Amino acid sequence: MLKKALLMGLCVVCIGGGLAASTATAESGVKTFKNCTELNKVYKGGVAQSASVKNKGGKTKFKPFVSSALYNANKKLDRDKDLIACEK
């Protein structure tokens, strides 16, 4: 009976720890930037939420990198709310 209880407790800890580790990995994989200058050093054309979004600000020099996770992490940098952060 004691072995069964210990085994069940160990299983719960392992499953819970595995879920926490996968969440931390997913969150740490997306980088947030302080400002557009920092973001544009890595992504010259900015970051778009999807490939189908259109720039409201006019003509741009570079094509934006498409990543919904990266866009959502840096959404505060999209001043014109056209779903492209820091477009150039």
PDB file of N, CA and C in Angstrom:
ATOM      1  N   MET A   1       0.820  -1.185   0.000  1.00  0.00           N
ATOM      2  CA  MET A   1       0.000   0.000   0.000  1.00  0.00           C
ATOM      3  C   MET A   1       0.872   1.260   0.000  1.00  0.00           C
ATOM      4  N   LEU A   2       1.921   1.280   0.811  1.00  0.00           N
ATOM      5  CA  LEU A   2       2.812   2.425   0.882  1.00  0.00           C
ATOM      6  C   LEU A   2       3.562   2.602  -0.434  1.00  0.00           C
ATOM      7  N   LYS A   3       3.978   1.479  -1.039  1.00  0.00           N
ATOM      8  CA  LYS A   3       4.670   1.546  -2.328  1.00  0.00           C
ATOM      9  C   LYS A   3       3.768   2.157  -3.394  1.00  0.00           C
ATOM     10  N   LYS A   4       2.506   1.763  -3.381  1.00  0.00           N
ATOM     11  CA  LYS A   4       1.555   2.262  -4.372  1.00  0.00           C
ATOM     12  C   LYS A   4       1.362   3.776  -4.214  1.00  0.00           C
ATOM     13  N   ALA A   5       1.260   4.244  -2.964  1.00  0.00           N
ATOM     14  CA  ALA A   5       1.085   5.669  -2.694  1.00  0.00           C
ATOM     15  C   ALA A   5       2.321   6.453  -3.130  1.00  0.00           C
ATOM     16  N   LEU A   6       3.506   5.922  -2.844  1.00  0.00           N
ATOM     17  CA  LEU A   6       4.744   6.586  -3.259  1.00  0.00           C
ATOM     18  C   LEU A   6       4.862   6.641  -4.776  1.00  0.00           C
ATOM     19  N   LEU A   7       4.507   5.546  -5.433  1.00  0.00           N
ATOM     20  CA  LEU A   7       4.563   5.496  -6.886  1.00  0.00           C
ATOM     21  C   LEU A   7       3.599   6.505  -7.509  1.00  0.00           C
ATOM     22  N   MET A   8       2.391   6.601  -6.974  1.00  0.00           N
ATOM     23  CA  MET A   8       1.405   7.567  -7.476  1.00  0.00           C
ATOM     24  C   MET A   8       1.902   8.998  -7.262  1.00  0.00           C
ATOM     25  N   GLY A   9       2.468   9.261  -6.091  1.00  0.00           N
ATOM     26  CA  GLY A   9       3.002  10.592  -5.809  1.00  0.00           C
ATOM     27  C   GLY A   9       4.136  10.954  -6.746  1.00  0.00           C
ATOM     28  N   LEU A  10       5.008   9.990  -7.020  1.00  0.00           N
ATOM     29  CA  LEU A  10       6.123  10.210  -7.930  1.00  0.00           C
ATOM     30  C   LEU A  10       5.625  10.498  -9.344  1.00  0.00           C
ATOM     31  N   CYS A  11       4.608   9.777  -9.776  1.00  0.00           N
ATOM     32  CA  CYS A  11       4.029  10.000 -11.108  1.00  0.00           C
ATOM     33  C   CYS A  11       3.449  11.404 -11.230  1.00  0.00           C
ATOM     34  N   VAL A  12       2.749  11.854 -10.212  1.00  0.00           N
ATOM     35  CA  VAL A  12       2.152  13.192 -10.227  1.00  0.00           C
ATOM     36  C   VAL A  12       3.240  14.255 -10.306  1.00  0.00           C
ATOM     37  N   VAL A  13       4.305  14.090  -9.534  1.00  0.00           N
ATOM     38  CA  VAL A  13       5.412  15.047  -9.549  1.00  0.00           C
ATOM     39  C   VAL A  13       6.082  15.070 -10.918  1.00  0.00           C
ATOM     40  N   CYS A  14       6.310  13.909 -11.510  1.00  0.00           N
ATOM     41  CA  CYS A  14       6.959  13.835 -12.823  1.00  0.00           C
ATOM     42  C   CYS A  14       6.110  14.488 -13.904  1.00  0.00           C
ATOM     43  N   ILE A  15       4.823  14.207 -13.897  1.00  0.00           N
ATOM     44  CA  ILE A  15       3.934  14.794 -14.903  1.00  0.00           C
ATOM     45  C   ILE A  15       3.847  16.302 -14.714  1.00  0.00           C
ATOM     46  N   GLY A  16       3.668  16.757 -13.500  1.00  0.00           N
ATOM     47  CA  GLY A  16       3.593  18.190 -13.219  1.00  0.00           C
ATOM     48  C   GLY A  16       4.884  18.902 -13.571  1.00  0.00           C
ATOM     49  N   GLY A  17       6.010  18.299 -13.257  1.00  0.00           N
ATOM     50  CA  GLY A  17       7.310  18.893 -13.590  1.00  0.00           C
ATOM     51  C   GLY A  17       7.536  18.953 -15.082  1.00  0.00           C
ATOM     52  N   GLY A  18       7.086  17.939 -15.795  1.00  0.00           N
ATOM     53  CA  GLY A  18       7.222  17.931 -17.251  1.00  0.00           C
ATOM     54  C   GLY A  18       6.398  19.017 -17.904  1.00  0.00           C
ATOM     55  N   LEU A  19       5.202  19.256 -17.402  1.00  0.00           N
ATOM     56  CA  LEU A  19       4.358  20.321 -17.947  1.00  0.00           C
ATOM     57  C   LEU A  19       4.967  21.684 -17.681  1.00  0.00           C
ATOM     58  N   ALA A  20       5.501  21.891 -16.501  1.00  0.00           N
ATOM     59  CA  ALA A  20       6.123  23.169 -16.164  1.00  0.00           C
ATOM     60  C   ALA A  20       7.358  23.405 -17.020  1.00  0.00           C
ATOM     61  N   ALA A  21       8.143  22.372 -17.267  1.00  0.00           N
ATOM     62  CA  ALA A  21       9.348  22.515 -18.082  1.00  0.00           C
ATOM     63  C   ALA A  21       8.997  22.839 -19.524  1.00  0.00           C
ATOM     64  N   SER A  22       7.961  22.218 -20.076  1.00  0.00           N
ATOM     65  CA  SER A  22       7.595  22.498 -21.461  1.00  0.00           C
ATOM     66  C   SER A  22       7.042  23.906 -21.608  1.00  0.00           C
ATOM     67  N   THR A  23       6.321  24.410 -20.615  1.00  0.00           N
ATOM     68  CA  THR A  23       5.807  25.774 -20.657  1.00  0.00           C
ATOM     69  C   THR A  23       6.956  26.773 -20.593  1.00  0.00           C
ATOM     70  N   ALA A  24       7.927  26.530 -19.735  1.00  0.00           N
ATOM     71  CA  ALA A  24       9.067  27.434 -19.616  1.00  0.00           C
ATOM     72  C   ALA A  24       9.875  27.454 -20.904  1.00  0.00           C
ATOM     73  N   THR A  25      10.031  26.311 -21.556  1.00  0.00           N
ATOM     74  CA  THR A  25      10.775  26.253 -22.805  1.00  0.00           C
ATOM     75  C   THR A  25      10.056  27.032 -23.893  1.00  0.00           C
ATOM     76  N   ALA A  26       8.753  26.900 -23.970  1.00  0.00           N
ATOM     77  CA  ALA A  26       7.982  27.601 -24.994  1.00  0.00           C
ATOM     78  C   ALA A  26       8.041  29.107 -24.777  1.00  0.00           C
ATOM     79  N   GLU A  27       7.963  29.547 -23.538  1.00  0.00           N
ATOM     80  CA  GLU A  27       7.993  30.972 -23.256  1.00  0.00           C
ATOM     81  C   GLU A  27       9.388  31.553 -23.455  1.00  0.00           C
ATOM     82  N   SER A  28      10.420  30.816 -23.135  1.00  0.00           N
ATOM     83  CA  SER A  28      11.769  31.348 -23.245  1.00  0.00           C
ATOM     84  C   SER A  28      12.266  31.360 -24.684  1.00  0.00           C
ATOM     85  N   GLY A  29      11.601  30.648 -25.590  1.00  0.00           N
ATOM     86  CA  GLY A  29      12.018  30.600 -26.982  1.00  0.00           C
ATOM     87  C   GLY A  29      11.708  31.874 -27.746  1.00  0.00           C
ATOM     88  N   VAL A  30      10.811  32.706 -27.243  1.00  0.00           N
ATOM     89  CA  VAL A  30      10.415  33.936 -27.915  1.00  0.00           C
ATOM     90  C   VAL A  30      11.083  35.107 -27.213  1.00  0.00           C
ATOM     91  N   LYS A  31      11.816  35.919 -27.987  1.00  0.00           N
ATOM     92  CA  LYS A  31      12.546  37.045 -27.407  1.00  0.00           C
ATOM     93  C   LYS A  31      11.698  38.307 -27.457  1.00  0.00           C
ATOM     94  N   THR A  32      11.720  39.053 -26.384  1.00  0.00           N
ATOM     95  CA  THR A  32      11.076  40.364 -26.375  1.00  0.00           C
ATOM     96  C   THR A  32      12.161  41.428 -26.476  1.00  0.00           C
ATOM     97  N   PHE A  33      11.837  42.517 -27.135  1.00  0.00           N
ATOM     98  CA  PHE A  33      12.787  43.598 -27.353  1.00  0.00           C
ATOM     99  C   PHE A  33      12.304  44.858 -26.641  1.00  0.00           C
ATOM    100  N   LYS A  34      13.262  45.694 -26.207  1.00  0.00           N
ATOM    101  CA  LYS A  34      12.927  46.927 -25.502  1.00  0.00           C
ATOM    102  C   LYS A  34      12.331  47.965 -26.434  1.00  0.00           C
ATOM    103  N   ASN A  35      12.872  48.038 -27.656  1.00  0.00           N
ATOM    104  CA  ASN A  35      12.419  49.056 -28.597  1.00  0.00           C
ATOM    105  C   ASN A  35      12.635  48.578 -30.033  1.00  0.00           C
ATOM    106  N   CYS A  36      12.203  49.379 -30.994  1.00  0.00           N
ATOM    107  CA  CYS A  36      12.303  48.988 -32.402  1.00  0.00           C
ATOM    108  C   CYS A  36      13.748  48.941 -32.895  1.00  0.00           C
ATOM    109  N   THR A  37      14.603  49.760 -32.352  1.00  0.00           N
ATOM    110  CA  THR A  37      16.007  49.733 -32.756  1.00  0.00           C
ATOM    111  C   THR A  37      16.615  48.369 -32.464  1.00  0.00           C
ATOM    112  N   GLU A  38      16.343  47.835 -31.281  1.00  0.00           N
ATOM    113  CA  GLU A  38      16.847  46.508 -30.917  1.00  0.00           C
ATOM    114  C   GLU A  38      16.228  45.424 -31.794  1.00  0.00           C
ATOM    115  N   LEU A  39      14.927  45.502 -32.046  1.00  0.00           N
ATOM    116  CA  LEU A  39      14.251  44.499 -32.869  1.00  0.00           C
ATOM    117  C   LEU A  39      14.770  44.532 -34.303  1.00  0.00           C
ATOM    118  N   ASN A  40      14.982  45.743 -34.845  1.00  0.00           N
ATOM    119  CA  ASN A  40      15.446  45.865 -36.229  1.00  0.00           C
ATOM    120  C   ASN A  40      16.890  45.431 -36.431  1.00  0.00           C
ATOM    121  N   LYS A  41      17.674  45.322 -35.377  1.00  0.00           N
ATOM    122  CA  LYS A  41      19.023  44.767 -35.511  1.00  0.00           C
ATOM    123  C   LYS A  41      18.962  43.295 -35.879  1.00  0.00           C
ATOM    124  N   VAL A  42      17.931  42.601 -35.402  1.00  0.00           N
ATOM    125  CA  VAL A  42      17.765  41.170 -35.658  1.00  0.00           C
ATOM    126  C   VAL A  42      16.833  40.931 -36.839  1.00  0.00           C
ATOM    127  N   TYR A  43      15.733  41.682 -36.905  1.00  0.00           N
ATOM    128  CA  TYR A  43      14.720  41.527 -37.958  1.00  0.00           C
ATOM    129  C   TYR A  43      14.573  42.865 -38.682  1.00  0.00           C
ATOM    130  N   LYS A  44      15.307  43.046 -39.805  1.00  0.00           N
ATOM    131  CA  LYS A  44      15.362  44.339 -40.492  1.00  0.00           C
ATOM    132  C   LYS A  44      14.004  44.877 -40.917  1.00  0.00           C
ATOM    133  N   GLY A  45      13.121  44.002 -41.360  1.00  0.00           N
ATOM    134  CA  GLY A  45      11.811  44.446 -41.828  1.00  0.00           C
ATOM    135  C   GLY A  45      10.743  44.455 -40.760  1.00  0.00           C
ATOM    136  N   GLY A  46      11.114  44.177 -39.523  1.00  0.00           N
ATOM    137  CA  GLY A  46      10.140  44.093 -38.452  1.00  0.00           C
ATOM    138  C   GLY A  46       9.587  42.685 -38.329  1.00  0.00           C
ATOM    139  N   VAL A  47       8.511  42.542 -37.578  1.00  0.00           N
ATOM    140  CA  VAL A  47       7.884  41.242 -37.342  1.00  0.00           C
ATOM    141  C   VAL A  47       6.390  41.362 -37.599  1.00  0.00           C
ATOM    142  N   ALA A  48       5.878  40.500 -38.488  1.00  0.00           N
ATOM    143  CA  ALA A  48       4.452  40.491 -38.809  1.00  0.00           C
ATOM    144  C   ALA A  48       3.763  39.334 -38.103  1.00  0.00           C
ATOM    145  N   GLN A  49       2.493  39.525 -37.777  1.00  0.00           N
ATOM    146  CA  GLN A  49       1.728  38.462 -37.118  1.00  0.00           C
ATOM    147  C   GLN A  49       1.412  37.331 -38.085  1.00  0.00           C
ATOM    148  N   SER A  50       1.109  37.663 -39.344  1.00  0.00           N
ATOM    149  CA  SER A  50       0.858  36.634 -40.358  1.00  0.00           C
ATOM    150  C   SER A  50       1.319  37.157 -41.713  1.00  0.00           C
ATOM    151  N   ALA A  51       1.422  36.260 -42.673  1.00  0.00           N
ATOM    152  CA  ALA A  51       1.905  36.640 -44.003  1.00  0.00           C
ATOM    153  C   ALA A  51       0.880  37.463 -44.776  1.00  0.00           C
ATOM    154  N   SER A  52      -0.364  37.442 -44.362  1.00  0.00           N
ATOM    155  CA  SER A  52      -1.414  38.132 -45.109  1.00  0.00           C
ATOM    156  C   SER A  52      -1.643  39.577 -44.679  1.00  0.00           C
ATOM    157  N   VAL A  53      -0.953  40.066 -43.658  1.00  0.00           N
ATOM    158  CA  VAL A  53      -1.180  41.441 -43.198  1.00  0.00           C
ATOM    159  C   VAL A  53      -0.556  42.439 -44.160  1.00  0.00           C
ATOM    160  N   LYS A  54      -1.168  43.603 -44.257  1.00  0.00           N
ATOM    161  CA  LYS A  54      -0.690  44.678 -45.129  1.00  0.00           C
ATOM    162  C   LYS A  54      -0.226  45.849 -44.276  1.00  0.00           C
ATOM    163  N   ASN A  55       0.827  46.509 -44.724  1.00  0.00           N
ATOM    164  CA  ASN A  55       1.374  47.657 -44.024  1.00  0.00           C
ATOM    165  C   ASN A  55       0.498  48.877 -44.293  1.00  0.00           C
ATOM    166  N   LYS A  56       0.056  49.550 -43.253  1.00  0.00           N
ATOM    167  CA  LYS A  56      -0.770  50.750 -43.391  1.00  0.00           C
ATOM    168  C   LYS A  56       0.077  51.996 -43.609  1.00  0.00           C
ATOM    169  N   GLY A  57       1.341  51.922 -43.261  1.00  0.00           N
ATOM    170  CA  GLY A  57       2.193  53.102 -43.280  1.00  0.00           C
ATOM    171  C   GLY A  57       2.810  53.441 -44.624  1.00  0.00           C
ATOM    172  N   GLY A  58       2.516  52.722 -45.678  1.00  0.00           N
ATOM    173  CA  GLY A  58       3.086  53.011 -46.986  1.00  0.00           C
ATOM    174  C   GLY A  58       4.173  52.028 -47.365  1.00  0.00           C
ATOM    175  N   LYS A  59       5.041  52.464 -48.272  1.00  0.00           N
ATOM    176  CA  LYS A  59       6.078  51.591 -48.808  1.00  0.00           C
ATOM    177  C   LYS A  59       7.176  51.334 -47.772  1.00  0.00           C
ATOM    178  N   THR A  60       7.649  50.093 -47.744  1.00  0.00           N
ATOM    179  CA  THR A  60       8.731  49.715 -46.836  1.00  0.00           C
ATOM    180  C   THR A  60       9.915  49.194 -47.640  1.00  0.00           C
ATOM    181  N   LYS A  61      11.099  49.225 -47.038  1.00  0.00           N
ATOM    182  CA  LYS A  61      12.314  48.755 -47.711  1.00  0.00           C
ATOM    183  C   LYS A  61      12.492  47.249 -47.592  1.00  0.00           C
ATOM    184  N   PHE A  62      12.110  46.680 -46.457  1.00  0.00           N
ATOM    185  CA  PHE A  62      12.366  45.272 -46.176  1.00  0.00           C
ATOM    186  C   PHE A  62      11.064  44.524 -45.908  1.00  0.00           C
ATOM    187  N   LYS A  63      11.074  43.226 -46.226  1.00  0.00           N
ATOM    188  CA  LYS A  63       9.928  42.367 -45.959  1.00  0.00           C
ATOM    189  C   LYS A  63       9.984  41.927 -44.497  1.00  0.00           C
ATOM    190  N   PRO A  64       8.870  41.976 -43.781  1.00  0.00           N
ATOM    191  CA  PRO A  64       8.899  41.585 -42.366  1.00  0.00           C
ATOM    192  C   PRO A  64       9.009  40.078 -42.166  1.00  0.00           C
ATOM    193  N   PHE A  65       9.614  39.685 -41.059  1.00  0.00           N
ATOM    194  CA  PHE A  65       9.683  38.289 -40.642  1.00  0.00           C
ATOM    195  C   PHE A  65       8.312  37.921 -40.082  1.00  0.00           C
ATOM    196  N   VAL A  66       7.780  36.765 -40.456  1.00  0.00           N
ATOM    197  CA  VAL A  66       6.437  36.361 -40.030  1.00  0.00           C
ATOM    198  C   VAL A  66       6.519  35.355 -38.889  1.00  0.00           C
ATOM    199  N   SER A  67       5.971  35.740 -37.740  1.00  0.00           N
ATOM    200  CA  SER A  67       5.900  34.851 -36.575  1.00  0.00           C
ATOM    201  C   SER A  67       4.850  35.408 -35.619  1.00  0.00           C
ATOM    202  N   SER A  68       3.768  34.682 -35.438  1.00  0.00           N
ATOM    203  CA  SER A  68       2.716  35.173 -34.544  1.00  0.00           C
ATOM    204  C   SER A  68       3.192  35.204 -33.092  1.00  0.00           C
ATOM    205  N   ALA A  69       3.984  34.224 -32.677  1.00  0.00           N
ATOM    206  CA  ALA A  69       4.480  34.196 -31.296  1.00  0.00           C
ATOM    207  C   ALA A  69       5.429  35.368 -31.030  1.00  0.00           C
ATOM    208  N   LEU A  70       6.323  35.636 -31.975  1.00  0.00           N
ATOM    209  CA  LEU A  70       7.264  36.746 -31.817  1.00  0.00           C
ATOM    210  C   LEU A  70       6.529  38.084 -31.861  1.00  0.00           C
ATOM    211  N   TYR A  71       5.544  38.201 -32.762  1.00  0.00           N
ATOM    212  CA  TYR A  71       4.749  39.435 -32.825  1.00  0.00           C
ATOM    213  C   TYR A  71       4.009  39.660 -31.507  1.00  0.00           C
ATOM    214  N   ASN A  72       3.359  38.613 -30.996  1.00  0.00           N
ATOM    215  CA  ASN A  72       2.591  38.751 -29.754  1.00  0.00           C
ATOM    216  C   ASN A  72       3.474  39.130 -28.575  1.00  0.00           C
ATOM    217  N   ALA A  73       4.709  38.656 -28.554  1.00  0.00           N
ATOM    218  CA  ALA A  73       5.634  39.007 -27.472  1.00  0.00           C
ATOM    219  C   ALA A  73       6.089  40.460 -27.571  1.00  0.00           C
ATOM    220  N   ASN A  74       6.053  41.032 -28.787  1.00  0.00           N
ATOM    221  CA  ASN A  74       6.520  42.403 -29.005  1.00  0.00           C
ATOM    222  C   ASN A  74       5.412  43.304 -29.539  1.00  0.00           C
ATOM    223  N   LYS A  75       4.174  42.981 -29.243  1.00  0.00           N
ATOM    224  CA  LYS A  75       3.005  43.714 -29.741  1.00  0.00           C
ATOM    225  C   LYS A  75       3.039  45.190 -29.343  1.00  0.00           C
ATOM    226  N   LYS A  76       3.635  45.495 -28.206  1.00  0.00           N
ATOM    227  CA  LYS A  76       3.687  46.879 -27.732  1.00  0.00           C
ATOM    228  C   LYS A  76       4.476  47.788 -28.676  1.00  0.00           C
ATOM    229  N   LEU A  77       5.311  47.201 -29.546  1.00  0.00           N
ATOM    230  CA  LEU A  77       6.123  47.986 -30.476  1.00  0.00           C
ATOM    231  C   LEU A  77       5.386  48.315 -31.776  1.00  0.00           C
ATOM    232  N   ASP A  78       4.180  47.807 -31.956  1.00  0.00           N
ATOM    233  CA  ASP A  78       3.381  48.082 -33.150  1.00  0.00           C
ATOM    234  C   ASP A  78       2.536  49.326 -32.894  1.00  0.00           C
ATOM    235  N   ARG A  79       3.098  50.486 -33.177  1.00  0.00           N
ATOM    236  CA  ARG A  79       2.426  51.738 -32.844  1.00  0.00           C
ATOM    237  C   ARG A  79       1.210  52.025 -33.714  1.00  0.00           C
ATOM    238  N   ASP A  80       1.264  51.634 -34.999  1.00  0.00           N
ATOM    239  CA  ASP A  80       0.136  51.928 -35.891  1.00  0.00           C
ATOM    240  C   ASP A  80      -0.896  50.804 -35.938  1.00  0.00           C
ATOM    241  N   LYS A  81      -0.703  49.763 -35.155  1.00  0.00           N
ATOM    242  CA  LYS A  81      -1.660  48.654 -34.999  1.00  0.00           C
ATOM    243  C   LYS A  81      -2.038  47.994 -36.330  1.00  0.00           C
ATOM    244  N   ASP A  82      -1.050  47.832 -37.225  1.00  0.00           N
ATOM    245  CA  ASP A  82      -1.305  47.168 -38.512  1.00  0.00           C
ATOM    246  C   ASP A  82      -0.838  45.718 -38.511  1.00  0.00           C
ATOM    247  N   LEU A  83      -0.539  45.181 -37.326  1.00  0.00           N
ATOM    248  CA  LEU A  83      -0.088  43.797 -37.117  1.00  0.00           C
ATOM    249  C   LEU A  83       1.319  43.542 -37.648  1.00  0.00           C
ATOM    250  N   ILE A  84       2.098  44.622 -37.851  1.00  0.00           N
ATOM    251  CA  ILE A  84       3.523  44.518 -38.175  1.00  0.00           C
ATOM    252  C   ILE A  84       4.260  45.418 -37.186  1.00  0.00           C
ATOM    253  N   ALA A  85       5.090  44.831 -36.353  1.00  0.00           N
ATOM    254  CA  ALA A  85       5.842  45.600 -35.364  1.00  0.00           C
ATOM    255  C   ALA A  85       7.159  46.068 -35.965  1.00  0.00           C
ATOM    256  N   CYS A  86       7.438  47.352 -35.852  1.00  0.00           N
ATOM    257  CA  CYS A  86       8.724  47.956 -36.243  1.00  0.00           C
ATOM    258  C   CYS A  86       9.053  47.782 -37.724  1.00  0.00           C
ATOM    259  N   GLU A  87       8.075  47.951 -38.601  1.00  0.00           N
ATOM    260  CA  GLU A  87       8.352  47.812 -40.031  1.00  0.00           C
ATOM    261  C   GLU A  87       9.252  48.936 -40.524  1.00  0.00           C
ATOM    262  N   LYS A  88      10.111  48.601 -41.499  1.00  0.00           N
ATOM    263  CA  LYS A  88      11.017  49.575 -42.122  1.00  0.00           C
ATOM    264  C   LYS A  88      10.865  49.518 -43.611  1.00  0.00           C
TER     265      LYS A  88
END
